[in-house]
C-alpha cells in the first residue's frame, strides 16, 4: 500500500509571490509474519520525500541504479519486494537483511544487535518482548548472514543515488506485535484489524 501526500508550502515573499512549491511524500506500509501462531506479526512503514510530485512508480525509476524488485543472489542492487519473495528457507535471510540494514544505515539507525535495531526503528518498548521464553536467544548480533556485511557500503551507494535525484529517505518504523498482544487484541475486538 502506498500513500502519496502533497504538502503545499505557503507562498513566500519573493520575486514570484504567487509561486507555490509542492513537496510530495511517498509512504508505504506492509506487514509480515505469522502472528498469533508463530509470531511476531511485524508492521512496518517507510517514507520518502520526493521531488516535484513524483509518485511511487517514478520513485522506482529514480532509484533503479540501486534498487530492484527482482530478487537475485547475484544482483548488486538492494531488493525491495514482498518479504515472501525476498526471504525463503532456500535463499536464506541475506538479501532481506542486507536491504533492511542498508536502509537502517541511511536513516542513522544501523545497530549491531537485533534488539537495538528494533528499538531504534520502533521504539525502546519493543526490546523487552525478548522476554518470551522462545525468544530468549534471539537478541543476537546482526548481520546474521555474510551477504549483509556489505550493507554499510550499499547504504553509501543508496544515499548517494538518492541525493543525486533529490530523494530523501525520511525513515522507517517497525512495530513487532508479539503473540500475547496479538491474541489479546483478537479476543478483545473479535478480529485481526
Protein backbone atom coordinates (compact mmCIF):
# COMPACT_ATOMS: atom_id res chain seq x y z
CA UNK A 1 0.00 0.00 0.00
CA UNK A 2 1.45 3.36 -0.95
CA UNK A 3 0.20 6.78 0.05
CA UNK A 4 1.22 9.99 -1.67
CA UNK A 5 0.84 13.14 0.40
CA UNK A 6 1.06 16.56 -1.18
CA UNK A 7 2.32 19.20 1.22
CA UNK A 8 1.83 22.72 -0.02
CA UNK A 9 4.27 25.31 1.19
CA UNK A 10 2.83 28.75 1.89
CA UNK A 11 3.70 31.40 -0.71
CA UNK A 12 6.95 33.19 0.01
CA UNK A 13 7.56 36.89 -0.45
CA UNK A 14 9.97 36.68 -3.37
CA UNK A 15 10.12 37.98 -6.90
CA UNK A 16 7.43 35.43 -7.68
CA UNK A 17 4.94 35.92 -4.84
CA UNK A 18 2.28 33.64 -6.36
CA UNK A 19 4.59 30.71 -6.96
CA UNK A 20 3.87 27.79 -4.69
CA UNK A 21 6.04 24.80 -4.29
CA UNK A 22 4.75 21.29 -3.73
CA UNK A 23 6.66 18.60 -1.96
CA UNK A 24 5.50 15.02 -2.10
CA UNK A 25 5.92 12.35 0.49
CA UNK A 26 5.57 8.76 -0.63
CA UNK A 27 4.82 6.41 2.25
CA UNK A 28 4.38 2.66 2.18
CA UNK A 29 3.07 0.24 4.78
CA UNK A 30 3.20 -3.54 4.98
CA UNK A 31 3.04 -6.44 7.38
CA UNK A 32 4.83 -9.73 7.56
CA UNK A 33 4.90 -12.66 9.93
CA UNK A 34 2.83 -15.44 11.30
CA UNK A 35 1.04 -13.55 14.06
CA UNK A 36 -0.61 -15.45 16.87
CA UNK A 37 0.79 -18.87 15.96
CA UNK A 38 4.47 -18.32 15.31
CA UNK A 39 4.78 -14.56 15.74
CA UNK A 40 5.63 -11.89 15.77
CA UNK A 41 3.49 -10.05 13.26
CA UNK A 42 5.62 -7.12 12.14
CA UNK A 43 4.01 -3.93 10.87
CA UNK A 44 6.24 -1.51 9.03
CA UNK A 45 6.13 1.87 7.36
CA UNK A 46 8.62 3.82 5.27
CA UNK A 47 8.51 7.38 3.94
CA UNK A 48 10.42 9.26 1.26
CA UNK A 49 10.36 12.92 0.30
CA UNK A 50 10.43 13.03 -3.49
CA UNK A 51 10.96 15.89 -5.93
CA UNK A 52 8.11 17.76 -7.55
CA UNK A 53 5.18 15.41 -7.13
CA UNK A 54 6.91 12.21 -8.20
CA UNK A 55 4.82 9.16 -7.46
CA UNK A 56 5.72 5.65 -6.36
CA UNK A 57 6.36 4.36 -9.88
CA UNK A 58 8.63 7.28 -10.61
CA UNK A 59 10.46 6.69 -7.33
CA UNK A 60 11.42 3.23 -8.62
CA UNK A 61 12.71 4.79 -11.85
CA UNK A 62 14.67 7.42 -9.97
CA UNK A 63 16.41 4.78 -7.84
CA UNK A 64 16.71 1.95 -10.36
CA UNK A 65 20.51 2.15 -10.23
CA UNK A 66 20.48 0.84 -6.64
CA UNK A 67 17.05 -0.79 -6.05
CA UNK A 68 15.22 -3.67 -7.69
CA UNK A 69 12.02 -5.59 -7.11
CA UNK A 70 13.61 -8.67 -8.69
CA UNK A 71 15.20 -10.95 -6.12
CA UNK A 72 18.50 -12.45 -7.18
CA UNK A 73 21.52 -13.56 -5.19
CA UNK A 74 23.75 -12.17 -7.94
CA UNK A 75 22.23 -8.69 -8.04
CA UNK A 76 24.34 -5.79 -6.83
CA UNK A 77 21.14 -3.84 -6.18
CA UNK A 78 19.12 -3.85 -2.97
CA UNK A 79 15.97 -5.95 -3.27
CA UNK A 80 12.75 -4.21 -2.22
CA UNK A 81 9.88 -6.62 -2.69
CA UNK A 82 7.35 -8.72 -0.83
CA UNK A 83 9.00 -10.49 2.11
CA UNK A 84 7.87 -13.87 0.79
CA UNK A 85 9.98 -13.19 -2.33
CA UNK A 86 12.96 -11.71 -0.52
CA UNK A 87 13.21 -14.40 2.16
CA UNK A 88 12.76 -18.12 1.96
CA UNK A 89 14.45 -21.07 3.59
CA UNK A 90 16.11 -21.79 0.25
CA UNK A 91 17.56 -18.29 -0.31
CA UNK A 92 18.13 -17.52 3.36
CA UNK A 93 17.95 -14.21 5.17
CA UNK A 94 20.90 -12.47 3.49
CA UNK A 95 19.07 -10.49 0.80
CA UNK A 96 16.37 -9.28 3.19
CA UNK A 97 18.87 -8.43 5.92
CA UNK A 98 21.13 -6.56 3.50
CA UNK A 99 18.26 -4.30 2.41
CA UNK A 100 16.96 -3.69 5.94
CA UNK A 101 20.40 -2.87 7.32
CA UNK A 102 21.23 -0.62 4.36
CA UNK A 103 18.09 1.46 4.82
CA UNK A 104 18.68 1.49 8.60
CA UNK A 105 22.17 2.86 7.97
CA UNK A 106 20.85 5.57 5.64
CA UNK A 107 18.42 6.68 8.36
CA UNK A 108 21.10 6.62 11.06
CA UNK A 109 19.57 3.57 12.76
CA UNK A 110 22.20 0.92 11.94
CA UNK A 111 22.75 -1.25 15.00
CA UNK A 112 24.76 -4.41 15.64
CA UNK A 113 22.23 -6.17 17.92
CA UNK A 114 18.72 -7.16 16.86
CA UNK A 115 17.10 -5.72 19.99
CA UNK A 116 18.85 -2.38 19.48
CA UNK A 117 17.85 -2.36 15.81
CA UNK A 118 14.19 -2.99 16.72
CA UNK A 119 14.43 -0.37 19.44
CA UNK A 120 15.88 2.19 17.04
CA UNK A 121 13.31 1.52 14.32
CA UNK A 122 10.28 1.08 16.52
CA UNK A 123 10.94 2.43 19.94
CA UNK A 124 12.66 1.04 23.01
CA UNK A 125 9.45 -0.55 24.31
CA UNK A 126 9.84 -3.43 21.83
CA UNK A 127 13.11 -4.71 23.23
CA UNK A 128 11.56 -6.37 26.35
CA UNK A 129 9.48 -8.58 24.04
CA UNK A 130 12.52 -10.85 24.01
CA UNK A 131 11.20 -11.85 27.45
CA UNK A 132 9.11 -14.59 25.82
CA UNK A 133 10.99 -17.82 26.55
CA UNK A 134 11.14 -18.82 22.87
CA UNK A 135 12.92 -15.56 22.05
CA UNK A 136 15.49 -15.99 24.85
CA UNK A 137 18.43 -16.33 22.46
CA UNK A 138 17.14 -14.02 19.72
CA UNK A 139 18.73 -10.72 20.74
CA UNK A 140 21.63 -11.64 18.50
CA UNK A 141 24.35 -9.73 16.73
CA UNK A 142 23.47 -8.56 13.24
CA UNK A 143 24.14 -9.13 10.46
CA UNK A 144 23.39 -12.84 10.63
CA UNK A 145 24.47 -13.54 7.04
CA UNK A 146 27.76 -12.87 5.32
CA UNK A 147 25.95 -11.15 2.45
CA UNK A 148 24.71 -8.38 4.74
CA UNK A 149 28.25 -7.50 5.82
CA UNK A 150 28.25 -5.23 2.76
CA UNK A 151 25.23 -3.25 3.97
CA UNK A 152 27.18 -0.15 5.07
CA UNK A 153 28.82 0.11 1.61
CA UNK A 154 25.47 -0.41 -0.13
CA UNK A 155 23.96 2.19 2.19
CA UNK A 156 26.54 4.69 0.91
CA UNK A 157 25.58 3.90 -2.70
CA UNK A 158 21.89 4.22 -1.79
CA UNK A 159 22.42 7.56 -0.04
CA UNK A 160 24.45 8.88 -3.00
CA UNK A 161 21.79 7.76 -5.50
CA UNK A 162 19.02 9.40 -3.50
CA UNK A 163 20.97 12.62 -3.11
CA UNK A 164 21.70 12.69 -6.86
CA UNK A 165 17.99 12.54 -7.78
CA UNK A 166 16.63 14.68 -4.94
CA UNK A 167 15.04 11.87 -2.92
CA UNK A 168 15.22 11.93 0.86
CA UNK A 169 14.61 8.82 2.97
CA UNK A 170 12.59 10.13 5.90
CA UNK A 171 12.79 6.89 7.81
CA UNK A 172 11.33 3.54 8.64
CA UNK A 173 9.35 2.35 11.62
CA UNK A 174 8.57 -1.18 12.64
CA UNK A 175 6.14 -2.47 15.22
CA UNK A 176 6.51 -6.11 16.18
CA UNK A 177 3.19 -7.31 17.58
CA UNK A 178 4.06 -10.33 19.67
CA UNK A 179 1.83 -13.34 20.15
CA UNK A 180 0.35 -12.43 23.53
CA UNK A 181 -0.50 -8.89 22.48
CA UNK A 182 -1.99 -10.01 19.17
CA UNK A 183 -4.07 -12.76 20.77
CA UNK A 184 -5.38 -10.32 23.43
CA UNK A 185 -6.35 -7.85 20.72
CA UNK A 186 -8.14 -10.53 18.70
CA UNK A 187 -10.00 -11.68 21.82
CA UNK A 188 -10.97 -8.10 22.70
CA UNK A 189 -12.07 -6.96 19.22
CA UNK A 190 -13.08 -10.22 17.55
CA UNK A 191 -10.81 -9.57 14.54
CA UNK A 192 -7.21 -9.01 13.50
CA UNK A 193 -7.69 -5.43 12.25
